[in-house]
PDB file of all heavy atoms in Angstrom:
ATOM      1  N   VAL A   1      -8.377  -7.050 187.514  1.00  0.00           N
ATOM      2  CA  VAL A   1      -8.736  -6.270 188.687  1.00  0.00           C
ATOM      3  C   VAL A   1     -10.243  -6.282 188.854  1.00  0.00           C
ATOM      4  O   VAL A   1     -10.991  -6.022 187.918  1.00  0.00           O
ATOM      5  CB  VAL A   1      -8.214  -4.818 188.557  1.00  0.00           C
ATOM      6  CG1 VAL A   1      -8.636  -4.005 189.762  1.00  0.00           C
ATOM      7  CG2 VAL A   1      -6.713  -4.825 188.411  1.00  0.00           C
ATOM      8  N   SER A   2     -10.691  -6.589 190.070  1.00  0.00           N
ATOM      9  CA  SER A   2     -12.121  -6.642 190.340  1.00  0.00           C
ATOM     10  C   SER A   2     -12.383  -5.958 191.673  1.00  0.00           C
ATOM     11  O   SER A   2     -12.141  -6.522 192.735  1.00  0.00           O
ATOM     12  CB  SER A   2     -12.608  -8.091 190.377  1.00  0.00           C
ATOM     13  OG  SER A   2     -13.961  -8.150 190.751  1.00  0.00           O
ATOM     14  N   GLY A   3     -12.804  -4.712 191.598  1.00  0.00           N
ATOM     15  CA  GLY A   3     -13.018  -3.971 192.828  1.00  0.00           C
ATOM     16  C   GLY A   3     -11.713  -3.717 193.547  1.00  0.00           C
ATOM     17  O   GLY A   3     -10.676  -3.505 192.942  1.00  0.00           O
ATOM     18  N   GLY A   4     -11.751  -3.785 194.889  1.00  0.00           N
ATOM     19  CA  GLY A   4     -10.573  -3.443 195.661  1.00  0.00           C
ATOM     20  C   GLY A   4      -9.626  -4.593 195.877  1.00  0.00           C
ATOM     21  O   GLY A   4      -8.542  -4.401 196.406  1.00  0.00           O
ATOM     22  N   ASP A   5     -10.018  -5.825 195.495  1.00  0.00           N
ATOM     23  CA  ASP A   5      -9.159  -6.958 195.835  1.00  0.00           C
ATOM     24  C   ASP A   5      -8.267  -7.387 194.693  1.00  0.00           C
ATOM     25  O   ASP A   5      -7.542  -8.375 194.803  1.00  0.00           O
ATOM     26  CB  ASP A   5      -9.986  -8.153 196.322  1.00  0.00           C
ATOM     27  CG  ASP A   5     -10.843  -8.768 195.218  1.00  0.00           C
ATOM     28  OD1 ASP A   5     -10.796  -8.262 194.080  1.00  0.00           O
ATOM     29  OD2 ASP A   5     -11.537  -9.753 195.514  1.00  0.00           O
ATOM     30  N   ALA A   6      -8.266  -6.656 193.570  1.00  0.00           N
ATOM     31  CA  ALA A   6      -7.365  -6.906 192.450  1.00  0.00           C
ATOM     32  C   ALA A   6      -7.431  -8.320 191.938  1.00  0.00           C
ATOM     33  O   ALA A   6      -6.470  -8.865 191.444  1.00  0.00           O
ATOM     34  CB  ALA A   6      -5.915  -6.575 192.851  1.00  0.00           C
ATOM     35  N   GLY A   7      -8.566  -8.953 192.058  1.00  0.00           N
ATOM     36  CA  GLY A   7      -8.699 -10.299 191.525  1.00  0.00           C
ATOM     37  C   GLY A   7      -8.086 -11.366 192.398  1.00  0.00           C
ATOM     38  O   GLY A   7      -8.036 -12.531 192.025  1.00  0.00           O
ATOM     39  N   VAL A   8      -7.569 -10.995 193.582  1.00  0.00           N
ATOM     40  CA  VAL A   8      -6.968 -11.966 194.494  1.00  0.00           C
ATOM     41  C   VAL A   8      -8.057 -12.496 195.416  1.00  0.00           C
ATOM     42  O   VAL A   8      -8.727 -11.720 196.102  1.00  0.00           O
ATOM     43  CB  VAL A   8      -5.846 -11.320 195.328  1.00  0.00           C
ATOM     44  CG1 VAL A   8      -5.221 -12.357 196.253  1.00  0.00           C
ATOM     45  CG2 VAL A   8      -4.803 -10.720 194.411  1.00  0.00           C
ATOM     46  N   PRO A   9      -8.301 -13.795 195.452  1.00  0.00           N
ATOM     47  CA  PRO A   9      -9.387 -14.339 196.265  1.00  0.00           C
ATOM     48  C   PRO A   9      -9.256 -13.949 197.724  1.00  0.00           C
ATOM     49  O   PRO A   9      -8.165 -13.941 198.288  1.00  0.00           O
ATOM     50  CB  PRO A   9      -9.230 -15.855 196.085  1.00  0.00           C
ATOM     51  CG  PRO A   9      -8.490 -16.007 194.802  1.00  0.00           C
ATOM     52  CD  PRO A   9      -7.583 -14.823 194.714  1.00  0.00           C
ATOM     53  N   GLU A  10     -10.377 -13.627 198.341  1.00  0.00           N
ATOM     54  CA  GLU A  10     -10.375 -13.221 199.750  1.00  0.00           C
ATOM     55  C   GLU A  10      -9.916 -14.369 200.632  1.00  0.00           C
ATOM     56  O   GLU A  10      -9.174 -14.179 201.589  1.00  0.00           O
ATOM     57  CB  GLU A  10     -11.787 -12.787 200.147  1.00  0.00           C
ATOM     58  CG  GLU A  10     -11.891 -12.336 201.599  1.00  0.00           C
ATOM     59  CD  GLU A  10     -11.156 -11.044 201.848  1.00  0.00           C
ATOM     60  OE1 GLU A  10     -11.105 -10.200 200.943  1.00  0.00           O
ATOM     61  OE2 GLU A  10     -10.620 -10.890 202.970  1.00  0.00           O
ATOM     62  N   ASN A  11     -10.341 -15.595 200.318  1.00  0.00           N
ATOM     63  CA  ASN A  11      -9.999 -16.762 201.123  1.00  0.00           C
ATOM     64  C   ASN A  11      -9.102 -17.713 200.333  1.00  0.00           C
ATOM     65  O   ASN A  11      -9.425 -18.869 200.133  1.00  0.00           O
ATOM     66  CB  ASN A  11     -11.286 -17.484 201.563  1.00  0.00           C
ATOM     67  CG  ASN A  11     -12.141 -16.594 202.439  1.00  0.00           C
ATOM     68  OD1 ASN A  11     -11.644 -15.996 203.381  1.00  0.00           O
ATOM     69  ND2 ASN A  11     -13.422 -16.493 202.102  1.00  0.00           N
ATOM     70  N   ARG A  12      -7.997 -17.176 199.855  1.00  0.00           N
ATOM     71  CA  ARG A  12      -7.093 -18.003 199.067  1.00  0.00           C
ATOM     72  C   ARG A  12      -6.615 -19.196 199.884  1.00  0.00           C
ATOM     73  O   ARG A  12      -6.279 -19.079 201.055  1.00  0.00           O
ATOM     74  CB  ARG A  12      -5.888 -17.167 198.620  1.00  0.00           C
ATOM     75  CG  ARG A  12      -4.877 -17.959 197.806  1.00  0.00           C
ATOM     76  CD  ARG A  12      -3.679 -17.103 197.461  1.00  0.00           C
ATOM     77  NE  ARG A  12      -4.097 -16.004 196.635  1.00  0.00           N
ATOM     78  CZ  ARG A  12      -3.439 -14.842 196.569  1.00  0.00           C
ATOM     79  NH1 ARG A  12      -2.380 -14.647 197.303  1.00  0.00           N
ATOM     80  NH2 ARG A  12      -3.863 -13.877 195.785  1.00  0.00           N
ATOM     81  N   ASN A  13      -6.554 -20.327 199.232  1.00  0.00           N
ATOM     82  CA  ASN A  13      -6.134 -21.557 199.892  1.00  0.00           C
ATOM     83  C   ASN A  13      -4.697 -21.420 200.394  1.00  0.00           C
ATOM     84  O   ASN A  13      -3.778 -21.185 199.626  1.00  0.00           O
ATOM     85  CB  ASN A  13      -6.246 -22.707 198.885  1.00  0.00           C
ATOM     86  CG  ASN A  13      -6.040 -24.051 199.542  1.00  0.00           C
ATOM     87  OD1 ASN A  13      -5.003 -24.316 200.109  1.00  0.00           O
ATOM     88  ND2 ASN A  13      -7.038 -24.901 199.428  1.00  0.00           N
ATOM     89  N   ASP A  14      -4.507 -21.558 201.707  1.00  0.00           N
ATOM     90  CA  ASP A  14      -3.170 -21.397 202.278  1.00  0.00           C
ATOM     91  C   ASP A  14      -2.193 -22.439 201.751  1.00  0.00           C
ATOM     92  O   ASP A  14      -1.009 -22.167 201.589  1.00  0.00           O
ATOM     93  CB  ASP A  14      -3.239 -21.478 203.805  1.00  0.00           C
ATOM     94  CG  ASP A  14      -3.881 -20.245 204.419  1.00  0.00           C
ATOM     95  OD1 ASP A  14      -3.904 -19.202 203.738  1.00  0.00           O
ATOM     96  OD2 ASP A  14      -4.351 -20.342 205.563  1.00  0.00           O
ATOM     97  N   GLN A  15      -2.704 -23.649 201.510  1.00  0.00           N
ATOM     98  CA  GLN A  15      -1.823 -24.694 201.008  1.00  0.00           C
ATOM     99  C   GLN A  15      -1.308 -24.346 199.616  1.00  0.00           C
ATOM    100  O   GLN A  15      -0.142 -24.543 199.307  1.00  0.00           O
ATOM    101  CB  GLN A  15      -2.541 -26.036 200.972  1.00  0.00           C
ATOM    102  CG  GLN A  15      -1.639 -27.192 200.526  1.00  0.00           C
ATOM    103  CD  GLN A  15      -2.328 -28.531 200.620  1.00  0.00           C
ATOM    104  OE1 GLN A  15      -3.486 -28.616 201.004  1.00  0.00           O
ATOM    105  NE2 GLN A  15      -1.608 -29.587 200.269  1.00  0.00           N
ATOM    106  N   GLU A  16      -2.177 -23.804 198.771  1.00  0.00           N
ATOM    107  CA  GLU A  16      -1.756 -23.391 197.434  1.00  0.00           C
ATOM    108  C   GLU A  16      -0.685 -22.313 197.530  1.00  0.00           C
ATOM    109  O   GLU A  16       0.310 -22.350 196.825  1.00  0.00           O
ATOM    110  CB  GLU A  16      -2.971 -22.869 196.664  1.00  0.00           C
ATOM    111  CG  GLU A  16      -2.653 -22.376 195.261  1.00  0.00           C
ATOM    112  CD  GLU A  16      -3.865 -21.757 194.592  1.00  0.00           C
ATOM    113  OE1 GLU A  16      -4.334 -20.706 195.071  1.00  0.00           O
ATOM    114  OE2 GLU A  16      -4.345 -22.320 193.606  1.00  0.00           O
ATOM    115  N   ARG A  17      -0.899 -21.362 198.411  1.00  0.00           N
ATOM    116  CA  ARG A  17       0.058 -20.278 198.589  1.00  0.00           C
ATOM    117  C   ARG A  17       1.407 -20.802 199.082  1.00  0.00           C
ATOM    118  O   ARG A  17       2.457 -20.251 198.757  1.00  0.00           O
ATOM    119  CB  ARG A  17      -0.503 -19.260 199.585  1.00  0.00           C
ATOM    120  CG  ARG A  17       0.381 -18.031 199.822  1.00  0.00           C
ATOM    121  CD  ARG A  17      -0.275 -17.127 200.856  1.00  0.00           C
ATOM    122  NE  ARG A  17       0.543 -15.956 201.139  1.00  0.00           N
ATOM    123  CZ  ARG A  17       0.476 -14.829 200.446  1.00  0.00           C
ATOM    124  NH1 ARG A  17      -0.332 -14.745 199.421  1.00  0.00           N
ATOM    125  NH2 ARG A  17       1.240 -13.808 200.779  1.00  0.00           N
ATOM    126  N   ASN A  18       1.372 -21.876 199.847  1.00  0.00           N
ATOM    127  CA  ASN A  18       2.591 -22.432 200.438  1.00  0.00           C
ATOM    128  C   ASN A  18       3.296 -23.421 199.513  1.00  0.00           C
ATOM    129  O   ASN A  18       4.367 -23.928 199.833  1.00  0.00           O
ATOM    130  CB  ASN A  18       2.243 -23.137 201.755  1.00  0.00           C
ATOM    131  CG  ASN A  18       3.454 -23.451 202.589  1.00  0.00           C
ATOM    132  OD1 ASN A  18       4.224 -22.559 202.930  1.00  0.00           O
ATOM    133  ND2 ASN A  18       3.641 -24.722 202.918  1.00  0.00           N
ATOM    134  N   THR A  19       2.714 -23.712 198.358  1.00  0.00           N
ATOM    135  CA  THR A  19       3.293 -24.702 197.449  1.00  0.00           C
ATOM    136  C   THR A  19       4.296 -24.047 196.516  1.00  0.00           C
ATOM    137  O   THR A  19       4.015 -23.013 195.911  1.00  0.00           O
ATOM    138  CB  THR A  19       2.192 -25.389 196.620  1.00  0.00           C
ATOM    139  OG1 THR A  19       1.271 -26.023 197.508  1.00  0.00           O
ATOM    140  CG2 THR A  19       2.792 -26.431 195.685  1.00  0.00           C
ATOM    141  N   ILE A  20       5.454 -24.675 196.402  1.00  0.00           N
ATOM    142  CA  ILE A  20       6.505 -24.187 195.514  1.00  0.00           C
ATOM    143  C   ILE A  20       6.852 -25.272 194.507  1.00  0.00           C
ATOM    144  O   ILE A  20       7.026 -26.439 194.862  1.00  0.00           O
ATOM    145  CB  ILE A  20       7.776 -23.796 196.305  1.00  0.00           C
ATOM    146  CG1 ILE A  20       7.486 -22.625 197.238  1.00  0.00           C
ATOM    147  CG2 ILE A  20       8.910 -23.431 195.358  1.00  0.00           C
ATOM    148  CD1 ILE A  20       8.687 -22.215 198.085  1.00  0.00           C
ATOM    149  N   LEU A  21       6.954 -24.889 193.260  1.00  0.00           N
ATOM    150  CA  LEU A  21       7.425 -25.780 192.205  1.00  0.00           C
ATOM    151  C   LEU A  21       8.909 -25.530 191.972  1.00  0.00           C
ATOM    152  O   LEU A  21       9.317 -24.395 191.690  1.00  0.00           O
ATOM    153  CB  LEU A  21       6.642 -25.530 190.911  1.00  0.00           C
ATOM    154  CG  LEU A  21       7.213 -26.172 189.642  1.00  0.00           C
ATOM    155  CD1 LEU A  21       7.220 -27.701 189.751  1.00  0.00           C
ATOM    156  CD2 LEU A  21       6.427 -25.731 188.406  1.00  0.00           C
ATOM    157  N   ASP A  22       9.712 -26.581 192.096  1.00  0.00           N
ATOM    158  CA  ASP A  22      11.134 -26.522 191.781  1.00  0.00           C
ATOM    159  C   ASP A  22      11.290 -27.043 190.357  1.00  0.00           C
ATOM    160  O   ASP A  22      11.232 -28.248 190.110  1.00  0.00           O
ATOM    161  CB  ASP A  22      11.927 -27.366 192.776  1.00  0.00           C
ATOM    162  CG  ASP A  22      13.442 -27.225 192.602  1.00  0.00           C
ATOM    163  OD1 ASP A  22      13.871 -26.496 191.694  1.00  0.00           O
ATOM    164  OD2 ASP A  22      14.181 -27.864 193.377  1.00  0.00           O
ATOM    165  N   LEU A  23      11.490 -26.134 189.410  1.00  0.00           N
ATOM    166  CA  LEU A  23      11.514 -26.468 187.986  1.00  0.00           C
ATOM    167  C   LEU A  23      12.950 -26.768 187.556  1.00  0.00           C
ATOM    168  O   LEU A  23      13.815 -25.896 187.594  1.00  0.00           O
ATOM    169  CB  LEU A  23      10.943 -25.295 187.182  1.00  0.00           C
ATOM    170  CG  LEU A  23      10.548 -25.531 185.731  1.00  0.00           C
ATOM    171  CD1 LEU A  23       9.527 -26.649 185.593  1.00  0.00           C
ATOM    172  CD2 LEU A  23      10.021 -24.239 185.115  1.00  0.00           C
ATOM    173  N   GLY A  24      13.200 -28.013 187.154  1.00  0.00           N
ATOM    174  CA  GLY A  24      14.560 -28.456 186.887  1.00  0.00           C
ATOM    175  C   GLY A  24      15.223 -28.842 188.193  1.00  0.00           C
ATOM    176  O   GLY A  24      16.336 -28.417 188.507  1.00  0.00           O
ATOM    177  N   CYS A  25      14.527 -29.685 188.963  1.00  0.00           N
ATOM    178  CA  CYS A  25      14.937 -29.972 190.346  1.00  0.00           C
ATOM    179  C   CYS A  25      16.144 -30.889 190.452  1.00  0.00           C
ATOM    180  O   CYS A  25      16.740 -31.017 191.517  1.00  0.00           O
ATOM    181  CB  CYS A  25      13.766 -30.576 191.111  1.00  0.00           C
ATOM    182  SG  CYS A  25      13.208 -32.178 190.458  1.00  0.00           S
ATOM    183  N   GLY A  26      16.504 -31.587 189.369  1.00  0.00           N
ATOM    184  CA  GLY A  26      17.660 -32.475 189.418  1.00  0.00           C
ATOM    185  C   GLY A  26      17.504 -33.576 190.449  1.00  0.00           C
ATOM    186  O   GLY A  26      16.475 -34.248 190.504  1.00  0.00           O
ATOM    187  N   THR A  27      18.506 -33.740 191.295  1.00  0.00           N
ATOM    188  CA  THR A  27      18.469 -34.800 192.305  1.00  0.00           C
ATOM    189  C   THR A  27      17.755 -34.376 193.583  1.00  0.00           C
ATOM    190  O   THR A  27      17.790 -35.104 194.575  1.00  0.00           O
ATOM    191  CB  THR A  27      19.897 -35.263 192.656  1.00  0.00           C
ATOM    192  OG1 THR A  27      20.635 -34.156 193.209  1.00  0.00           O
ATOM    193  CG2 THR A  27      20.620 -35.794 191.434  1.00  0.00           C
ATOM    194  N   GLY A  28      17.114 -33.213 193.566  1.00  0.00           N
ATOM    195  CA  GLY A  28      16.223 -32.830 194.654  1.00  0.00           C
ATOM    196  C   GLY A  28      16.873 -32.277 195.904  1.00  0.00           C
ATOM    197  O   GLY A  28      16.199 -32.147 196.930  1.00  0.00           O
ATOM    198  N   THR A  29      18.128 -31.873 195.850  1.00  0.00           N
ATOM    199  CA  THR A  29      18.782 -31.362 197.056  1.00  0.00           C
ATOM    200  C   THR A  29      18.110 -30.086 197.550  1.00  0.00           C
ATOM    201  O   THR A  29      17.754 -29.967 198.727  1.00  0.00           O
ATOM    202  CB  THR A  29      20.274 -31.096 196.798  1.00  0.00           C
ATOM    203  OG1 THR A  29      20.903 -32.317 196.391  1.00  0.00           O
ATOM    204  CG2 THR A  29      20.954 -30.580 198.056  1.00  0.00           C
ATOM    205  N   LEU A  30      17.915 -29.126 196.645  1.00  0.00           N
ATOM    206  CA  LEU A  30      17.260 -27.880 197.034  1.00  0.00           C
ATOM    207  C   LEU A  30      15.791 -28.120 197.371  1.00  0.00           C
ATOM    208  O   LEU A  30      15.253 -27.530 198.317  1.00  0.00           O
ATOM    209  CB  LEU A  30      17.369 -26.850 195.915  1.00  0.00           C
ATOM    210  CG  LEU A  30      16.703 -25.499 196.183  1.00  0.00           C
ATOM    211  CD1 LEU A  30      17.418 -24.763 197.315  1.00  0.00           C
ATOM    212  CD2 LEU A  30      16.684 -24.646 194.923  1.00  0.00           C
ATOM    213  N   THR A  31      15.148 -29.004 196.642  1.00  0.00           N
ATOM    214  CA  THR A  31      13.745 -29.329 196.889  1.00  0.00           C
ATOM    215  C   THR A  31      13.566 -29.821 198.321  1.00  0.00           C
ATOM    216  O   THR A  31      12.621 -29.425 199.021  1.00  0.00           O
ATOM    217  CB  THR A  31      13.265 -30.424 195.908  1.00  0.00           C
ATOM    218  OG1 THR A  31      13.871 -30.237 194.633  1.00  0.00           O
ATOM    219  CG2 THR A  31      11.763 -30.395 195.768  1.00  0.00           C
ATOM    220  N   GLU A  32      14.464 -30.678 198.763  1.00  0.00           N
ATOM    221  CA  GLU A  32      14.388 -31.211 200.125  1.00  0.00           C
ATOM    222  C   GLU A  32      14.622 -30.116 201.161  1.00  0.00           C
ATOM    223  O   GLU A  32      13.945 -30.075 202.196  1.00  0.00           O
ATOM    224  CB  GLU A  32      15.410 -32.329 200.304  1.00  0.00           C
ATOM    225  CG  GLU A  32      15.107 -33.589 199.530  1.00  0.00           C
ATOM    226  CD  GLU A  32      14.958 -34.813 200.427  1.00  0.00           C
ATOM    227  OE1 GLU A  32      15.487 -34.797 201.543  1.00  0.00           O
ATOM    228  OE2 GLU A  32      14.269 -35.769 200.006  1.00  0.00           O
ATOM    229  N   LEU A  33      15.561 -29.222 200.905  1.00  0.00           N
ATOM    230  CA  LEU A  33      15.833 -28.144 201.860  1.00  0.00           C
ATOM    231  C   LEU A  33      14.610 -27.253 202.041  1.00  0.00           C
ATOM    232  O   LEU A  33      14.266 -26.867 203.166  1.00  0.00           O
ATOM    233  CB  LEU A  33      17.024 -27.307 201.374  1.00  0.00           C
ATOM    234  CG  LEU A  33      18.400 -27.971 201.460  1.00  0.00           C
ATOM    235  CD1 LEU A  33      19.445 -27.111 200.767  1.00  0.00           C
ATOM    236  CD2 LEU A  33      18.798 -28.213 202.916  1.00  0.00           C
ATOM    237  N   LEU A  34      13.940 -26.924 200.942  1.00  0.00           N
ATOM    238  CA  LEU A  34      12.739 -26.098 201.035  1.00  0.00           C
ATOM    239  C   LEU A  34      11.603 -26.853 201.730  1.00  0.00           C
ATOM    240  O   LEU A  34      10.845 -26.276 202.507  1.00  0.00           O
ATOM    241  CB  LEU A  34      12.316 -25.645 199.640  1.00  0.00           C
ATOM    242  CG  LEU A  34      13.212 -24.584 198.995  1.00  0.00           C
ATOM    243  CD1 LEU A  34      12.902 -24.441 197.505  1.00  0.00           C
ATOM    244  CD2 LEU A  34      13.060 -23.236 199.698  1.00  0.00           C
ATOM    245  N   ALA A  35      11.510 -28.155 201.464  1.00  0.00           N
ATOM    246  CA  ALA A  35      10.482 -28.965 202.122  1.00  0.00           C
ATOM    247  C   ALA A  35      10.710 -29.006 203.636  1.00  0.00           C
ATOM    248  O   ALA A  35       9.755 -28.976 204.420  1.00  0.00           O
ATOM    249  CB  ALA A  35      10.470 -30.373 201.538  1.00  0.00           C
ATOM    250  N   ARG A  36      11.951 -29.076 204.053  1.00  0.00           N
ATOM    251  CA  ARG A  36      12.270 -29.112 205.484  1.00  0.00           C
ATOM    252  C   ARG A  36      11.868 -27.811 206.175  1.00  0.00           C
ATOM    253  O   ARG A  36      11.646 -27.777 207.397  1.00  0.00           O
ATOM    254  CB  ARG A  36      13.759 -29.376 205.695  1.00  0.00           C
ATOM    255  CG  ARG A  36      14.189 -30.792 205.339  1.00  0.00           C
ATOM    256  CD  ARG A  36      15.673 -31.006 205.590  1.00  0.00           C
ATOM    257  NE  ARG A  36      16.117 -32.308 205.107  1.00  0.00           N
ATOM    258  CZ  ARG A  36      15.940 -33.455 205.745  1.00  0.00           C
ATOM    259  NH1 ARG A  36      15.323 -33.456 206.925  1.00  0.00           N
ATOM    260  NH2 ARG A  36      16.371 -34.587 205.229  1.00  0.00           N
ATOM    261  N   LEU A  37      11.784 -26.723 205.402  1.00  0.00           N
ATOM    262  CA  LEU A  37      11.376 -25.438 205.966  1.00  0.00           C
ATOM    263  C   LEU A  37       9.856 -25.301 206.031  1.00  0.00           C
ATOM    264  O   LEU A  37       9.342 -24.275 206.481  1.00  0.00           O
ATOM    265  CB  LEU A  37      11.969 -24.291 205.141  1.00  0.00           C
ATOM    266  CG  LEU A  37      13.488 -24.148 205.204  1.00  0.00           C
ATOM    267  CD1 LEU A  37      13.958 -23.031 204.279  1.00  0.00           C
ATOM    268  CD2 LEU A  37      13.953 -23.873 206.632  1.00  0.00           C
ATOM    269  N   GLY A  38       9.139 -26.320 205.558  1.00  0.00           N
ATOM    270  CA  GLY A  38       7.690 -26.307 205.683  1.00  0.00           C
ATOM    271  C   GLY A  38       6.935 -26.016 204.411  1.00  0.00           C
ATOM    272  O   GLY A  38       5.689 -25.982 204.431  1.00  0.00           O
ATOM    273  N   TYR A  39       7.640 -25.800 203.305  1.00  0.00           N
ATOM    274  CA  TYR A  39       6.948 -25.568 202.044  1.00  0.00           C
ATOM    275  C   TYR A  39       6.450 -26.899 201.465  1.00  0.00           C
ATOM    276  O   TYR A  39       7.101 -27.935 201.608  1.00  0.00           O
ATOM    277  CB  TYR A  39       7.880 -24.896 201.032  1.00  0.00           C
ATOM    278  CG  TYR A  39       8.275 -23.487 201.396  1.00  0.00           C
ATOM    279  CD1 TYR A  39       9.525 -23.217 201.950  1.00  0.00           C
ATOM    280  CD2 TYR A  39       7.407 -22.419 201.184  1.00  0.00           C
ATOM    281  CE1 TYR A  39       9.901 -21.923 202.285  1.00  0.00           C
ATOM    282  CE2 TYR A  39       7.776 -21.122 201.517  1.00  0.00           C
ATOM    283  CZ  TYR A  39       9.023 -20.881 202.078  1.00  0.00           C
ATOM    284  OH  TYR A  39       9.384 -19.602 202.417  1.00  0.00           O
ATOM    285  N   ASP A  40       5.305 -26.859 200.817  1.00  0.00           N
ATOM    286  CA  ASP A  40       4.812 -28.016 200.073  1.00  0.00           C
ATOM    287  C   ASP A  40       5.496 -28.008 198.712  1.00  0.00           C
ATOM    288  O   ASP A  40       5.303 -27.080 197.926  1.00  0.00           O
ATOM    289  CB  ASP A  40       3.289 -27.929 199.900  1.00  0.00           C
ATOM    290  CG  ASP A  40       2.558 -27.977 201.230  1.00  0.00           C
ATOM    291  OD1 ASP A  40       2.933 -28.809 202.069  1.00  0.00           O
ATOM    292  OD2 ASP A  40       1.627 -27.178 201.427  1.00  0.00           O
ATOM    293  N   MET A  41       6.276 -29.038 198.433  1.00  0.00           N
ATOM    294  CA  MET A  41       7.160 -29.003 197.273  1.00  0.00           C
ATOM    295  C   MET A  41       6.717 -29.938 196.147  1.00  0.00           C
ATOM    296  O   MET A  41       6.273 -31.068 196.384  1.00  0.00           O
ATOM    297  CB  MET A  41       8.588 -29.371 197.683  1.00  0.00           C
ATOM    298  CG  MET A  41       9.239 -28.381 198.639  1.00  0.00           C
ATOM    299  SD  MET A  41       9.307 -26.677 197.996  1.00  0.00           S
ATOM    300  CE  MET A  41      10.230 -26.914 196.464  1.00  0.00           C
ATOM    301  N   ILE A  42       6.860 -29.423 194.929  1.00  0.00           N
ATOM    302  CA  ILE A  42       6.744 -30.214 193.711  1.00  0.00           C
ATOM    303  C   ILE A  42       8.055 -30.052 192.957  1.00  0.00           C
ATOM    304  O   ILE A  42       8.559 -28.930 192.815  1.00  0.00           O
ATOM    305  CB  ILE A  42       5.584 -29.726 192.820  1.00  0.00           C
ATOM    306  CG1 ILE A  42       4.255 -29.783 193.577  1.00  0.00           C
ATOM    307  CG2 ILE A  42       5.506 -30.547 191.538  1.00  0.00           C
ATOM    308  CD1 ILE A  42       3.104 -29.123 192.830  1.00  0.00           C
ATOM    309  N   GLY A  43       8.612 -31.149 192.484  1.00  0.00           N
ATOM    310  CA  GLY A  43       9.839 -31.094 191.697  1.00  0.00           C
ATOM    311  C   GLY A  43       9.596 -31.637 190.301  1.00  0.00           C
ATOM    312  O   GLY A  43       9.003 -32.711 190.145  1.00  0.00           O
TER     313      GLY A  43
END
């Protein structure tokens, strides 16, 4: 915690916030569905 912003950057990178890691993604079916919704995906 740092002041009123609780350690959360004021200008957090939107792309980082939008990135989702699919851990144990298998053949990527769910990964693709989330990507189609606009998330930046890592499997």
